Protein backbone atom coordinates (compact mmCIF):
# COMPACT_ATOMS: atom_id res chain seq x y z
CA UNK A 1 -0.12 -0.15 0.20
CA UNK A 2 2.70 2.35 0.59
CA UNK A 3 4.11 1.79 -3.00
CA UNK A 4 2.92 4.14 -6.03
CA UNK A 5 1.08 1.89 -7.89
CA UNK A 6 0.46 2.55 -11.73
CA UNK A 7 -3.41 0.43 -11.73
CA UNK A 8 -3.94 3.06 -9.05
CA UNK A 9 -2.83 5.94 -11.11
CA UNK A 10 -4.93 4.77 -13.92
CA UNK A 11 -8.18 4.70 -12.39
CA UNK A 12 -7.90 7.51 -10.66
CA UNK A 13 -7.47 9.18 -14.19
CA UNK A 14 -10.82 7.37 -15.07
CA UNK A 15 -12.61 8.55 -12.02
CA UNK A 16 -10.94 12.45 -12.52
CA UNK A 17 -13.17 12.02 -15.39
CA UNK A 18 -15.97 10.30 -14.14
CA UNK A 19 -15.85 13.70 -11.42
CA UNK A 20 -15.31 16.56 -14.03
CA UNK A 21 -18.31 15.30 -16.33
CA UNK A 22 -20.76 15.00 -13.16
CA UNK A 23 -19.62 18.34 -12.07
CA UNK A 24 -20.34 21.95 -13.37
CA UNK A 25 -17.19 23.62 -11.60
CA UNK A 26 -14.47 22.15 -9.14
CA UNK A 27 -12.41 24.72 -7.73
CA UNK A 28 -9.41 23.96 -5.10
CA UNK A 29 -7.82 26.20 -2.80
CA UNK A 30 -4.31 26.27 -1.06
CA UNK A 31 -2.64 22.89 -3.12
CA UNK A 32 0.17 24.59 -2.56
CA UNK A 33 -0.08 24.00 1.27
CA UNK A 34 0.45 20.16 1.04
CA UNK A 35 3.77 19.58 2.09
CA UNK A 36 6.16 17.54 0.09
CA UNK A 37 8.60 14.85 1.00
CA UNK A 38 6.88 14.27 4.56
CA UNK A 39 4.42 11.85 5.57
CA UNK A 40 0.87 13.98 5.55
CA UNK A 41 -2.30 12.81 7.36
CA UNK A 42 -5.50 14.26 5.34
CA UNK A 43 -8.05 15.59 7.67
CA UNK A 44 -11.33 16.21 5.66
CA UNK A 45 -14.72 17.02 6.97
CA UNK A 46 -17.56 14.31 6.05
CA UNK A 47 -20.67 15.09 4.92
CA UNK A 48 -21.14 13.29 1.67
CA UNK A 49 -20.97 9.36 1.74
CA UNK A 50 -17.80 8.75 -1.16
CA UNK A 51 -18.09 11.70 -2.75
CA UNK A 52 -15.96 13.63 -0.09
CA UNK A 53 -12.66 10.75 -0.67
CA UNK A 54 -13.04 11.40 -4.20
CA UNK A 55 -13.26 14.99 -3.93
CA UNK A 56 -9.77 14.60 -2.09
CA UNK A 57 -8.49 12.11 -4.06
CA UNK A 58 -8.96 13.74 -7.48
CA UNK A 59 -8.30 17.16 -6.71
CA UNK A 60 -4.12 16.72 -5.62
CA UNK A 61 -1.50 13.80 -6.84
CA UNK A 62 -0.79 11.60 -4.69
CA UNK A 63 -2.59 8.32 -3.37
CA UNK A 64 -3.58 8.29 0.13
CA UNK A 65 -4.27 5.52 2.14
CA UNK A 66 -7.69 5.75 3.67
CA UNK A 67 -8.96 4.83 7.10
CA UNK A 68 -12.47 3.16 6.37
CA UNK A 69 -14.75 1.80 8.32
CA UNK A 70 -14.55 -2.21 8.93
CA UNK A 71 -18.25 -2.79 8.10
CA UNK A 72 -17.00 -2.33 4.68
CA UNK A 73 -14.69 -5.46 4.42
CA UNK A 74 -17.59 -8.11 6.07
CA UNK A 75 -17.78 -9.39 2.51
CA UNK A 76 -14.83 -11.74 1.58
CA UNK A 77 -15.11 -10.62 -2.23
CA UNK A 78 -14.56 -6.84 -1.78
CA UNK A 79 -11.27 -7.33 0.08
CA UNK A 80 -9.08 -7.41 -2.28
CA UNK A 81 -10.62 -4.59 -4.21
CA UNK A 82 -10.90 -2.36 -1.10
CA UNK A 83 -7.04 -3.66 -0.96
CA UNK A 84 -5.86 -2.10 -4.34
CA UNK A 85 -7.59 1.07 -3.46
CA UNK A 86 -5.49 1.70 -0.57
CA UNK A 87 -8.11 1.04 2.15
CA UNK A 88 -7.45 -0.28 5.70
CA UNK A 89 -10.60 -0.89 7.99
CA UNK A 90 -10.77 0.56 11.61
CA UNK A 91 -13.26 -1.27 13.77
CA UNK A 92 -15.39 0.38 16.29
CA UNK A 93 -17.56 -1.01 19.42
CA UNK A 94 -20.15 -1.64 16.76
CA UNK A 95 -18.06 -4.13 15.28
CA UNK A 96 -17.76 -5.70 18.27
CA UNK A 97 -15.23 -5.57 21.33
CA UNK A 98 -13.79 -8.76 19.93
CA UNK A 99 -12.15 -6.79 16.81
CA UNK A 100 -11.27 -3.77 18.75
CA UNK A 101 -7.59 -5.12 19.48
CA UNK A 102 -7.79 -5.09 15.24
CA UNK A 103 -7.36 -1.78 15.55
CA UNK A 104 -3.31 -2.15 16.85
CA UNK A 105 -2.51 -4.24 13.89
CA UNK A 106 -4.29 -1.62 11.16
CA UNK A 107 -2.57 1.51 13.25
CA UNK A 108 0.77 -0.35 13.24
CA UNK A 109 0.78 -0.38 9.17
CA UNK A 110 -0.88 2.87 9.35
CA UNK A 111 2.70 4.22 10.81
CA UNK A 112 4.53 2.40 8.44
CA UNK A 113 3.40 4.06 5.51
CA UNK A 114 3.64 7.30 7.18
CA UNK A 115 7.54 6.62 7.65
CA UNK A 116 8.16 6.19 4.23
CA UNK A 117 6.75 9.88 3.69
CA UNK A 118 3.56 8.91 2.45
CA UNK A 119 0.27 9.91 3.01
CA UNK A 120 -2.86 9.05 5.27
CA UNK A 121 -6.86 10.45 5.06
CA UNK A 122 -9.31 9.61 7.70
CA UNK A 123 -12.32 11.88 8.61
CA UNK A 124 -12.02 13.11 11.96
CA UNK A 125 -15.85 12.96 12.21
CA UNK A 126 -15.70 8.80 11.29
CA UNK A 127 -19.29 9.37 10.05
CA UNK A 128 -21.16 11.78 7.52
CA UNK A 129 -23.89 14.05 8.29
CA UNK A 130 -25.79 14.87 4.87
CA UNK A 131 -25.75 18.35 6.30
CA UNK A 132 -23.49 21.18 5.89
CA UNK A 133 -22.35 20.83 9.77
CA UNK A 134 -19.41 19.13 11.43
CA UNK A 135 -19.62 16.24 13.58
CA UNK A 136 -18.32 15.77 17.03
CA UNK A 137 -14.47 15.43 16.53
CA UNK A 138 -12.74 12.17 17.41
CA UNK A 139 -9.44 11.27 18.39
CA UNK A 140 -8.34 8.37 15.84
CA UNK A 141 -6.40 11.13 14.16
CA UNK A 142 -4.50 12.62 17.26
CA UNK A 143 -3.54 9.24 18.22
CA UNK A 144 -2.35 7.82 15.24
CA UNK A 145 0.03 10.79 14.52
CA UNK A 146 1.68 10.42 18.48
CA UNK A 147 1.79 7.03 17.79
CA UNK A 148 3.45 7.84 14.81
CA UNK A 149 5.80 10.26 15.99
CA UNK A 150 6.37 8.63 19.68
CA UNK A 151 8.17 5.80 17.60
CA UNK A 152 10.42 7.78 15.62
CA UNK A 153 11.41 10.08 18.76
CA UNK A 154 9.68 12.57 17.28
CA UNK A 155 11.80 13.05 14.52
CA UNK A 156 9.03 11.77 11.67
CA UNK A 157 7.95 15.90 10.69
CA UNK A 158 4.52 14.76 10.25
CA UNK A 159 2.20 17.04 9.04
CA UNK A 160 -1.81 16.49 9.53
CA UNK A 161 -3.40 19.29 6.79
CA UNK A 162 -7.45 19.65 7.26
CA UNK A 163 -9.28 20.27 3.91
CA UNK A 164 -12.45 21.43 3.41
CA UNK A 165 -15.05 20.55 1.10
CA UNK A 166 -17.97 22.25 0.20
CA UNK A 167 -20.82 20.91 -2.66
CA UNK A 168 -23.52 23.44 -3.55
CA UNK A 169 -26.16 20.59 -3.55
CA UNK A 170 -25.21 17.08 -2.07
CA UNK A 171 -26.61 14.92 -5.08
CA UNK A 172 -27.78 16.92 -7.79
CA UNK A 173 -25.65 16.21 -10.72
CA UNK A 174 -23.46 19.13 -12.46
CA UNK A 175 -22.82 20.33 -8.62
CA UNK A 176 -20.08 22.32 -7.99
CA UNK A 177 -17.45 21.64 -5.62
CA UNK A 178 -14.90 23.18 -3.63
CA UNK A 179 -11.80 21.69 -1.72
CA UNK A 180 -10.29 23.76 0.43
CA UNK A 181 -6.80 22.69 1.82
CA UNK A 182 -5.77 24.58 4.39
CA UNK A 183 -2.23 25.11 6.67
CA UNK A 184 -0.51 22.03 7.96
CA UNK A 185 -0.21 21.11 11.45
CA UNK A 186 3.04 19.92 12.38
CA UNK A 187 2.51 17.43 15.42
CA UNK A 188 6.20 18.03 16.28
CA UNK A 189 4.97 21.12 18.09
CA UNK A 190 3.33 19.41 20.05
CA UNK A 191 6.12 16.98 21.92
CA UNK A 192 6.44 18.97 24.95
CA UNK A 193 3.24 18.75 26.03
CA UNK A 194 2.00 14.77 24.79
CA UNK A 195 5.43 13.83 26.99
CA UNK A 196 4.24 16.33 30.22
CA UNK A 197 0.73 15.12 29.41
CA UNK A 198 -0.25 12.70 26.49
CA UNK A 199 -4.55 12.40 27.06
CA UNK A 200 -4.37 16.08 27.76
CA UNK A 201 -2.41 16.87 24.38
CA UNK A 202 -4.21 14.50 22.40
CA UNK A 203 -7.02 16.32 22.75
CA UNK A 204 -5.45 19.58 21.89
CA UNK A 205 -4.74 18.39 18.99
CA UNK A 206 -8.07 16.33 18.30
CA UNK A 207 -9.43 20.49 19.13
CA UNK A 208 -6.75 22.36 17.39
CA UNK A 209 -7.57 20.05 13.92
CA UNK A 210 -11.53 20.40 14.47
CA UNK A 211 -11.15 24.77 14.37
CA UNK A 212 -9.03 24.60 11.35
CA UNK A 213 -11.00 22.44 9.61
CA UNK A 214 -13.95 24.61 11.14
CA UNK A 215 -12.48 27.89 8.88
CA UNK A 216 -12.07 25.80 5.73
CA UNK A 217 -16.29 24.76 5.53
CA UNK A 218 -19.84 26.16 6.31
CA UNK A 219 -20.52 24.87 9.80
CA UNK A 220 -24.46 25.82 10.29
CA UNK A 221 -24.31 25.13 14.48
CA UNK A 222 -28.24 25.20 14.68
CA UNK A 223 -29.38 21.78 14.66
CA UNK A 224 -33.15 22.86 15.75
CA UNK A 225 -33.53 25.67 12.52
CA UNK A 226 -30.67 24.04 10.25
CA UNK A 227 -33.69 24.55 7.53
CA UNK A 228 -33.70 28.14 8.25
CA UNK A 229 -30.55 28.99 8.01
CA UNK A 230 -29.94 27.10 4.93
CA UNK A 231 -33.19 29.48 3.31
CA UNK A 232 -31.37 32.58 4.93
CA UNK A 233 -28.12 31.96 3.01
CA UNK A 234 -30.01 30.78 -0.07
CA UNK A 235 -32.16 34.50 0.45
CA UNK A 236 -29.01 36.06 1.20
CA UNK A 237 -26.07 33.97 -0.63
CA UNK A 238 -23.56 35.71 -2.63
CA UNK A 239 -25.54 34.91 -6.42
CA UNK A 240 -28.23 36.37 -5.02
CA UNK A 241 -26.71 39.77 -3.74
CA UNK A 242 -24.01 40.00 -5.89
CA UNK A 243 -25.95 40.24 -9.53
CA UNK A 244 -23.80 43.20 -11.15
CA UNK A 245 -21.51 42.70 -14.16
CA UNK A 246 -18.79 43.51 -11.78
CA UNK A 247 -19.90 40.66 -9.35
CA UNK A 248 -17.22 38.02 -8.51
CA UNK A 249 -19.30 34.52 -9.02
CA UNK A 250 -15.87 32.20 -8.55
CA UNK A 251 -16.78 29.56 -6.53
CA UNK A 252 -14.47 30.90 -3.93
CA UNK A 253 -15.97 34.08 -3.71
CA UNK A 254 -19.45 32.35 -3.22
CA UNK A 255 -18.08 30.33 -0.40
CA UNK A 256 -16.42 32.82 1.43
CA UNK A 257 -19.27 35.05 1.31
CA UNK A 258 -21.75 32.34 2.78
CA UNK A 259 -19.44 31.10 5.25
CA UNK A 260 -19.06 35.25 6.83
CA UNK A 261 -23.01 34.95 6.39
CA UNK A 262 -23.67 32.22 8.77
CA UNK A 263 -21.24 33.51 10.78
CA UNK A 264 -22.62 36.88 11.40
CA UNK A 265 -26.05 35.08 11.42
CA UNK A 266 -25.65 33.43 14.31
CA UNK A 267 -23.59 35.71 16.01
CA UNK A 268 -27.07 37.95 15.70
CA UNK A 269 -29.38 35.20 16.40
CA UNK A 270 -26.96 34.84 20.22
CA UNK A 271 -27.47 38.75 20.41
CA UNK A 272 -30.92 39.02 19.55
CA UNK A 273 -32.56 35.85 20.69
CA UNK A 274 -36.34 37.05 20.97
CA UNK A 275 -36.13 38.34 17.11
CA UNK A 276 -34.74 36.01 15.98
CA UNK A 277 -37.77 33.39 17.45
CA UNK A 278 -40.00 35.40 15.66
CA UNK A 279 -37.61 35.46 12.26
CA UNK A 280 -37.62 31.85 12.62
CA UNK A 281 -41.36 31.70 13.15
CA UNK A 282 -41.73 33.45 9.61
CA UNK A 283 -39.37 31.16 8.06
CA UNK A 284 -41.27 28.27 8.90
CA UNK A 285 -44.37 29.63 7.31
CA UNK A 286 -42.35 30.61 4.26
CA UNK A 287 -40.63 27.66 4.12
CA UNK A 288 -43.88 25.38 3.78
CA UNK A 289 -45.49 27.36 1.42
CA UNK A 290 -42.00 27.21 -0.92
CA UNK A 291 -42.88 23.68 -0.43
CA UNK A 292 -46.16 23.12 -1.26
CA UNK A 293 -45.53 24.63 -4.08
CA UNK A 294 -42.56 22.49 -5.15
CA UNK A 295 -40.27 25.17 -5.61
CA UNK A 296 -37.18 27.27 -4.03
CA UNK A 297 -36.35 30.79 -2.57
CA UNK A 298 -34.51 30.79 -5.63
CA UNK A 299 -36.93 30.52 -8.15
CA UNK A 300 -39.63 32.41 -5.88
CA UNK A 301 -38.96 35.40 -8.46
CA UNK A 302 -41.59 37.44 -10.28
CA UNK A 303 -38.96 37.77 -13.44
CA UNK A 304 -39.26 34.32 -14.26
CA UNK A 305 -43.22 34.84 -14.82
CA UNK A 306 -42.79 37.93 -16.76
CA UNK A 307 -45.22 36.84 -20.44
CA UNK A 308 -41.91 38.67 -22.57
CA UNK A 309 -39.50 36.50 -20.35
CA UNK A 310 -41.83 33.34 -20.20
CA UNK A 311 -41.61 33.74 -24.30
CA UNK A 312 -38.17 34.30 -25.04
CA UNK A 313 -37.79 31.21 -22.60
CA UNK A 314 -40.54 29.10 -24.33
CA UNK A 315 -38.38 29.53 -27.80
CA UNK A 316 -35.44 28.42 -26.29
CA UNK A 317 -36.92 25.34 -25.27
CA UNK A 318 -38.37 24.35 -28.62
CA UNK A 319 -34.68 24.89 -30.04
CA UNK A 320 -33.59 22.39 -27.33
CA UNK A 321 -36.40 20.02 -26.95
CA UNK A 322 -35.59 17.58 -29.78
CA UNK A 323 -31.83 17.48 -28.35
CA UNK A 324 -32.59 16.61 -24.89
CA UNK A 325 -35.42 13.85 -26.51
CA UNK A 326 -32.14 12.03 -28.53
CA UNK A 327 -30.05 12.56 -25.06
CA UNK A 328 -32.77 11.25 -22.72
CA UNK A 329 -33.43 8.08 -24.74
CA UNK A 330 -29.29 7.22 -25.31
CA UNK A 331 -28.94 7.67 -21.61
CA UNK A 332 -32.28 6.58 -20.34
CA UNK A 333 -29.87 3.11 -19.59
CA UNK A 334 -26.57 4.01 -17.87
CA UNK A 335 -28.17 7.72 -16.47
CA UNK A 336 -31.67 8.51 -16.10
CA UNK A 337 -32.63 4.60 -14.83
CA UNK A 338 -30.89 4.55 -12.19
CA UNK A 339 -30.71 7.91 -10.65
CA UNK A 340 -34.99 6.86 -10.79
CA UNK A 341 -34.37 3.61 -8.42
CA UNK A 342 -31.40 5.24 -6.48
CA UNK A 343 -33.77 7.99 -5.75
CA UNK A 344 -35.94 5.65 -4.92
CA UNK A 345 -35.06 2.96 -3.05
CA UNK A 346 -32.55 4.65 -0.97
CA UNK A 347 -33.72 6.04 2.39
CA UNK A 348 -30.85 8.36 3.04
CA UNK A 349 -30.31 11.25 0.56
CA UNK A 350 -26.51 11.42 1.26
CA UNK A 351 -26.13 8.19 -0.30
CA UNK A 352 -27.52 9.57 -3.56
CA UNK A 353 -24.88 11.03 -5.24
CA UNK A 354 -22.63 7.92 -4.42
CA UNK A 355 -24.54 5.16 -5.81
CA UNK A 356 -25.55 7.36 -8.70
CA UNK A 357 -21.70 8.26 -9.83
CA UNK A 358 -20.62 4.25 -8.63
CA UNK A 359 -23.05 2.85 -10.96
CA UNK A 360 -22.93 5.29 -13.81
CA UNK A 361 -18.41 4.79 -13.33
CA UNK A 362 -20.09 1.23 -14.20
CA UNK A 363 -22.04 1.20 -16.54
CA UNK A 364 -20.60 4.10 -19.19
CA UNK A 365 -16.85 2.15 -19.49
CA UNK A 366 -19.27 -1.00 -21.01
CA UNK A 367 -21.11 1.18 -23.39
CA UNK A 368 -18.10 3.30 -24.06
CA UNK A 369 -15.91 -0.13 -25.49
CA UNK A 370 -18.77 -1.56 -26.88
CA UNK A 371 -20.05 1.75 -28.84
CA UNK A 372 -16.31 1.44 -30.38
CA UNK A 373 -16.14 -1.60 -31.05
CA UNK A 374 -19.53 -1.07 -33.05
CA UNK A 375 -18.14 1.28 -34.93
CA UNK A 376 -15.12 -0.36 -35.90
CA UNK A 377 -17.12 -3.08 -36.79
CA UNK A 378 -19.06 -0.84 -38.76
CA UNK A 379 -16.55 1.24 -40.38
CA UNK A 380 -12.92 -0.38 -40.25
CA UNK A 381 -11.70 2.96 -39.19
CA UNK A 382 -10.13 3.41 -36.05
CA UNK A 383 -10.76 7.04 -35.81
CA UNK A 384 -14.96 6.44 -36.12
CA UNK A 385 -14.19 4.20 -32.90
CA UNK A 386 -12.53 6.87 -30.84
CA UNK A 387 -15.07 9.56 -32.31
CA UNK A 388 -18.16 7.75 -31.68
CA UNK A 389 -17.92 6.54 -27.93
CA UNK A 390 -16.51 10.65 -27.35
CA UNK A 391 -18.91 12.24 -28.79
CA UNK A 392 -21.57 9.78 -26.64
CA UNK A 393 -20.09 11.21 -23.94
CA UNK A 394 -19.19 14.43 -24.83
CA UNK A 395 -23.05 15.46 -25.62
CA UNK A 396 -24.86 14.18 -22.68
CA UNK A 397 -23.83 16.36 -20.39
CA UNK A 398 -25.04 19.89 -22.54
CA UNK A 399 -28.06 17.33 -23.20
CA UNK A 400 -28.49 16.70 -19.35
CA UNK A 401 -28.14 20.95 -19.18
CA UNK A 402 -31.28 21.05 -21.78
CA UNK A 403 -32.82 18.99 -19.80
CA UNK A 404 -32.86 21.01 -16.66
CA UNK A 405 -33.45 24.08 -18.57
CA UNK A 406 -36.61 22.93 -19.52
CA UNK A 407 -37.43 21.84 -15.86
CA UNK A 408 -36.81 24.86 -14.85
CA UNK A 409 -39.41 26.38 -17.26
CA UNK A 410 -41.80 24.24 -16.22
CA UNK A 411 -40.89 25.27 -12.64
CA UNK A 412 -41.62 29.17 -14.44
CA UNK A 413 -45.07 28.27 -16.37
CA UNK A 414 -46.10 26.22 -13.13
CA UNK A 415 -45.36 29.42 -10.30
CA UNK A 416 -47.01 31.95 -13.71
CA UNK A 417 -50.10 29.32 -13.15
CA UNK A 418 -50.55 29.75 -9.33
CA UNK A 419 -49.94 33.36 -9.79
CA UNK A 420 -52.82 33.74 -12.28
CA UNK A 421 -55.09 31.50 -9.95
CA UNK A 422 -54.11 32.94 -6.32
CA UNK A 423 -52.73 36.67 -7.68
CA UNK A 424 -53.54 37.39 -3.69
CA UNK A 425 -51.35 34.42 -2.10
CA UNK A 426 -48.87 35.02 -4.91
CA UNK A 427 -48.31 38.84 -4.02
CA UNK A 428 -48.25 37.95 -0.54
CA UNK A 429 -45.23 35.10 -1.54
CA UNK A 430 -43.34 37.44 -2.97
CA UNK A 431 -44.07 40.27 -0.23
CA UNK A 432 -43.10 37.62 1.96
CA UNK A 433 -39.48 36.84 0.27
CA UNK A 434 -39.03 40.88 -0.35
CA UNK A 435 -40.08 41.29 3.61
CA UNK A 436 -37.53 38.77 4.57
CA UNK A 437 -34.74 39.81 2.90
CA UNK A 438 -35.09 43.69 4.05
CA UNK A 439 -35.28 42.13 7.86
CA UNK A 440 -32.43 39.82 7.51
CA UNK A 441 -30.01 42.56 5.99
CA UNK A 442 -30.90 45.14 8.65
CA UNK A 443 -30.21 42.79 10.73
CA UNK A 444 -26.79 41.67 9.63
CA UNK A 445 -26.16 45.53 9.03
CA UNK A 446 -27.08 46.57 12.79
């Protein structure tokens, strides 16, 4: 596992292509902060199942060994695959007390990897939430770090790199992804404290990692009003506020704007709890109205239902329709049907994108090879065996975007019909949105 693997590198490029095709934009910050020629432990936040390790893996040049929950190793048939993927099991109490002793052997292998100046990766939270929230940090990372340094008389120069992972949405296709590499933490700096009080210093390092990681993500602390904070972020987010021609709509700028917005709102709730209690009641009511209409706060916009705007958008939709129908038929089996059944069967939405990505990663290469063979057999020319499957893959994404356009157009027409039939209720909703934005803006600026 500690050696560089050609097969792993080849598979990584395939996964990278899949990530590129399934995201509209992938932004990486702080890549230069990853230390070179030093042992490194990546410590990312965990919110989106398998997509989180892939986000780290596909945005840097390393081949890190991951420590993962032991239950994924239960099936014998999967163990060789997981070993090839450089994944080691970590046992928890729920895996049986008799297995906890296995962690010593696993940690010994992890230390050996670090001694060879390679990379290790594990999630400090040891679980994923499916929300923009940090879970309680665990001690696994500092424990392994101190075991490694202690064995090597604190001369290993081990570095812990916190990694913030942010998605514009957790399971929508063509979402945006931001991977934020933070300043490394030198474990050797804790040598004297660790020798004096190992337990206290382990907790101190755990908290230091958590603090640095929190600066790289959006962490909504409220559990009772989480959905309201997401709605407030939607109403006052960077893409809503900064609409001018000079506005910076980069993923990085929008992320930092929204991060500061959440912090500011949380501070204000601490200062003005009474006002926020009333505000949350209004937000609850507004959210219920949006849910009933099956639209988002962003989609509730008068401009969307202006007759001239709808007519223009409809003409564009008519042009796109043939392409979308053709692509829908071509990608029905590898893309649309799996997504339909996955979202119907899975109870936890945070697993949607993982299963969708893995299924696509398995099916699309088979179809691509089949198309290449058919094209070659039909024409006898290698160039067509390349062009046909490439066109199939590359045209799929624009067609999907066309489908999303038609879906948004349909939402606009639903809103238009609602406004025509229920003018007073529609006016009330538009007014509610404006009043909430004004109230929130006033609270932030006060």
